[in-house]
Amino acid sequence: MSVMPATKGALTGSTNPTLMVSKPRPQHATAANRILKQEDLNMLGLITKVQTRATDLKEFFQDKSGATAIEYGLIAAGIAVAIIAAVFALGDEIKGFFTDIQTQLEAKKPA
C-alpha cells in the first residue's frame, strides 16, 4: 500500500492538501507470479538450448576467419596436381635423361 499526495489541491489553489491511498493491485495468474512446474522448466531449458544453437550457427556462418586457410589449401592442392601432371607427362623423358647421364659417366670411368 502506498500513499501519494493528491494533485487536486494544487490545481484548485486550496491550502488543504489531501492524501489519496492507492489500493493494492490484484494478483493475476500470470507466468511471472505462478510457481513453475517441472514440465515448464524442461521446456524453458529446451528453448534456451535451441536459441543458443541458433546463435552459434549464425555466428559460425558469419565468421570469415577460416577463409584464408581454405584459400592456401586450395593453392597447395593446385600445385600438387600440377606436379603430378608434369611427372606423368615427362616421366619417360626424365628417366631417359638420367639414363644418358649414367651411361656417359660409366664410359668415362677409368678401368
C-alpha atoms as a PDB file:
ATOM      1  CA  MET A   1       0.000   0.000   0.000  1.00  0.00           C
ATOM      2  CA  SER A   2       1.420   3.393  -0.938  1.00  0.00           C
ATOM      3  CA  VAL A   3       0.423   6.889  -0.003  1.00  0.00           C
ATOM      4  CA  MET A   4       0.626   9.622  -2.635  1.00  0.00           C
ATOM      5  CA  PRO A   5      -0.120  13.323  -2.239  1.00  0.00           C
ATOM      6  CA  ALA A   6      -3.128  14.432  -4.235  1.00  0.00           C
ATOM      7  CA  THR A   7      -2.575  16.881  -7.030  1.00  0.00           C
ATOM      8  CA  LYS A   8      -6.169  18.032  -6.847  1.00  0.00           C
ATOM      9  CA  GLY A   9      -5.497  20.651  -4.165  1.00  0.00           C
ATOM     10  CA  ALA A  10      -2.603  22.139  -6.097  1.00  0.00           C
ATOM     11  CA  LEU A  11      -4.757  22.784  -9.145  1.00  0.00           C
ATOM     12  CA  THR A  12      -7.624  24.467  -7.272  1.00  0.00           C
ATOM     13  CA  GLY A  13      -5.383  26.662  -5.156  1.00  0.00           C
ATOM     14  CA  SER A  14      -6.589  25.297  -1.812  1.00  0.00           C
ATOM     15  CA  THR A  15      -4.143  25.148   1.053  1.00  0.00           C
ATOM     16  CA  ASN A  16      -5.568  21.903   2.391  1.00  0.00           C
ATOM     17  CA  PRO A  17      -3.546  19.045   0.862  1.00  0.00           C
ATOM     18  CA  THR A  18      -5.479  15.810   0.688  1.00  0.00           C
ATOM     19  CA  LEU A  19      -3.957  12.346   0.597  1.00  0.00           C
ATOM     20  CA  MET A  20      -5.016   9.578  -1.735  1.00  0.00           C
ATOM     21  CA  VAL A  21      -4.382   5.974  -0.766  1.00  0.00           C
ATOM     22  CA  SER A  22      -3.800   3.586  -3.662  1.00  0.00           C
ATOM     23  CA  LYS A  23      -5.251   0.083  -3.456  1.00  0.00           C
ATOM     24  CA  PRO A  24      -3.013  -2.925  -3.963  1.00  0.00           C
ATOM     25  CA  ARG A  25      -3.181  -4.435  -7.431  1.00  0.00           C
ATOM     26  CA  PRO A  26      -4.958  -7.787  -7.699  1.00  0.00           C
ATOM     27  CA  GLN A  27      -2.736 -10.786  -8.299  1.00  0.00           C
ATOM     28  CA  HIS A  28      -3.436 -12.407 -11.680  1.00  0.00           C
ATOM     29  CA  ALA A  29      -2.448 -15.917 -12.657  1.00  0.00           C
ATOM     30  CA  THR A  30       0.400 -14.960 -14.976  1.00  0.00           C
ATOM     31  CA  ALA A  31       3.627 -16.782 -15.748  1.00  0.00           C
ATOM     32  CA  ALA A  32       5.537 -14.209 -13.726  1.00  0.00           C
ATOM     33  CA  ASN A  33       3.892 -14.950 -10.374  1.00  0.00           C
ATOM     34  CA  ARG A  34       2.946 -18.632 -10.504  1.00  0.00           C
ATOM     35  CA  ILE A  35       5.135 -21.487  -9.414  1.00  0.00           C
ATOM     36  CA  LEU A  36       6.848 -23.156 -12.346  1.00  0.00           C
ATOM     37  CA  LYS A  37       6.195 -26.857 -12.805  1.00  0.00           C
ATOM     38  CA  GLN A  38       8.866 -29.356 -13.829  1.00  0.00           C
ATOM     39  CA  GLU A  39       7.417 -29.504 -17.364  1.00  0.00           C
ATOM     40  CA  ASP A  40       7.756 -25.738 -17.620  1.00  0.00           C
ATOM     41  CA  LEU A  41      11.383 -25.910 -16.542  1.00  0.00           C
ATOM     42  CA  ASN A  42      12.082 -28.655 -19.093  1.00  0.00           C
ATOM     43  CA  MET A  43      10.520 -26.586 -21.874  1.00  0.00           C
ATOM     44  CA  LEU A  44      12.403 -23.475 -20.764  1.00  0.00           C
ATOM     45  CA  GLY A  45      15.665 -25.431 -20.874  1.00  0.00           C
ATOM     46  CA  LEU A  46      14.851 -26.735 -24.351  1.00  0.00           C
ATOM     47  CA  ILE A  47      14.019 -23.270 -25.649  1.00  0.00           C
ATOM     48  CA  THR A  48      17.263 -21.902 -24.205  1.00  0.00           C
ATOM     49  CA  LYS A  49      19.300 -24.670 -25.873  1.00  0.00           C
ATOM     50  CA  VAL A  50      17.649 -24.107 -29.243  1.00  0.00           C
ATOM     51  CA  GLN A  51      18.263 -20.360 -29.064  1.00  0.00           C
ATOM     52  CA  THR A  52      21.898 -20.956 -28.091  1.00  0.00           C
ATOM     53  CA  ARG A  53      22.445 -23.360 -31.007  1.00  0.00           C
ATOM     54  CA  ALA A  54      20.770 -20.956 -33.432  1.00  0.00           C
ATOM     55  CA  THR A  55      23.036 -18.146 -32.241  1.00  0.00           C
ATOM     56  CA  ASP A  56      26.109 -20.384 -32.555  1.00  0.00           C
ATOM     57  CA  LEU A  57      25.177 -21.353 -36.122  1.00  0.00           C
ATOM     58  CA  LYS A  58      24.557 -17.736 -37.070  1.00  0.00           C
ATOM     59  CA  GLU A  59      27.970 -16.711 -35.726  1.00  0.00           C
ATOM     60  CA  PHE A  60      29.616 -19.703 -37.478  1.00  0.00           C
ATOM     61  CA  PHE A  61      28.239 -18.734 -40.887  1.00  0.00           C
ATOM     62  CA  GLN A  62      29.198 -15.084 -40.385  1.00  0.00           C
ATOM     63  CA  ASP A  63      32.765 -15.942 -39.333  1.00  0.00           C
ATOM     64  CA  LYS A  64      35.245 -15.315 -42.179  1.00  0.00           C
ATOM     65  CA  SER A  65      38.493 -16.065 -40.314  1.00  0.00           C
ATOM     66  CA  GLY A  66      38.973 -19.527 -41.886  1.00  0.00           C
ATOM     67  CA  ALA A  67      38.714 -18.267 -45.466  1.00  0.00           C
ATOM     68  CA  THR A  68      42.457 -17.612 -45.756  1.00  0.00           C
ATOM     69  CA  ALA A  69      43.368 -21.123 -44.604  1.00  0.00           C
ATOM     70  CA  ILE A  70      40.972 -22.618 -47.142  1.00  0.00           C
ATOM     71  CA  GLU A  71      42.480 -20.484 -49.905  1.00  0.00           C
ATOM     72  CA  TYR A  72      46.003 -21.636 -49.009  1.00  0.00           C
ATOM     73  CA  GLY A  73      44.799 -25.245 -49.020  1.00  0.00           C
ATOM     74  CA  LEU A  74      43.302 -24.833 -52.486  1.00  0.00           C
ATOM     75  CA  ILE A  75      46.543 -23.284 -53.775  1.00  0.00           C
ATOM     76  CA  ALA A  76      48.596 -26.180 -52.341  1.00  0.00           C
ATOM     77  CA  ALA A  77      46.215 -28.723 -53.900  1.00  0.00           C
ATOM     78  CA  GLY A  78      46.528 -26.974 -57.283  1.00  0.00           C
ATOM     79  CA  ILE A  79      50.314 -27.041 -57.110  1.00  0.00           C
ATOM     80  CA  ALA A  80      50.239 -30.745 -56.178  1.00  0.00           C
ATOM     81  CA  VAL A  81      48.003 -31.538 -59.163  1.00  0.00           C
ATOM     82  CA  ALA A  82      50.353 -29.589 -61.473  1.00  0.00           C
ATOM     83  CA  ILE A  83      53.400 -31.505 -60.172  1.00  0.00           C
ATOM     84  CA  ILE A  84      51.659 -34.867 -60.592  1.00  0.00           C
ATOM     85  CA  ALA A  85      50.584 -33.988 -64.143  1.00  0.00           C
ATOM     86  CA  ALA A  86      54.132 -32.886 -65.014  1.00  0.00           C
ATOM     87  CA  VAL A  87      55.636 -36.099 -63.649  1.00  0.00           C
ATOM     88  CA  PHE A  88      53.224 -38.281 -65.646  1.00  0.00           C
ATOM     89  CA  ALA A  89      53.736 -36.240 -68.813  1.00  0.00           C
ATOM     90  CA  LEU A  90      57.523 -36.017 -68.617  1.00  0.00           C
ATOM     91  CA  GLY A  91      58.261 -39.221 -66.694  1.00  0.00           C
ATOM     92  CA  ASP A  92      59.767 -41.207 -69.575  1.00  0.00           C
ATOM     93  CA  GLU A  93      61.819 -38.272 -70.826  1.00  0.00           C
ATOM     94  CA  ILE A  94      63.248 -37.607 -67.361  1.00  0.00           C
ATOM     95  CA  LYS A  95      64.078 -41.298 -66.932  1.00  0.00           C
ATOM     96  CA  GLY A  96      65.850 -41.306 -70.298  1.00  0.00           C
ATOM     97  CA  PHE A  97      67.763 -38.132 -69.375  1.00  0.00           C
ATOM     98  CA  PHE A  98      69.170 -39.668 -66.215  1.00  0.00           C
ATOM     99  CA  THR A  99      69.957 -42.945 -68.053  1.00  0.00           C
ATOM    100  CA  ASP A 100      72.007 -40.986 -70.611  1.00  0.00           C
ATOM    101  CA  ILE A 101      73.955 -39.257 -67.842  1.00  0.00           C
ATOM    102  CA  GLN A 102      74.660 -42.614 -66.172  1.00  0.00           C
ATOM    103  CA  THR A 103      75.854 -44.099 -69.471  1.00  0.00           C
ATOM    104  CA  GLN A 104      78.194 -41.162 -70.098  1.00  0.00           C
ATOM    105  CA  LEU A 105      79.629 -41.393 -66.575  1.00  0.00           C
ATOM    106  CA  GLU A 106      80.266 -45.117 -66.938  1.00  0.00           C
ATOM    107  CA  ALA A 107      82.025 -44.532 -70.281  1.00  0.00           C
ATOM    108  CA  LYS A 108      84.439 -42.013 -68.741  1.00  0.00           C
ATOM    109  CA  LYS A 109      85.193 -44.182 -65.747  1.00  0.00           C
ATOM    110  CA  PRO A 110      88.804 -45.420 -65.713  1.00  0.00           C
ATOM    111  CA  ALA A 111      89.102 -49.141 -65.877  1.00  0.00           C
END
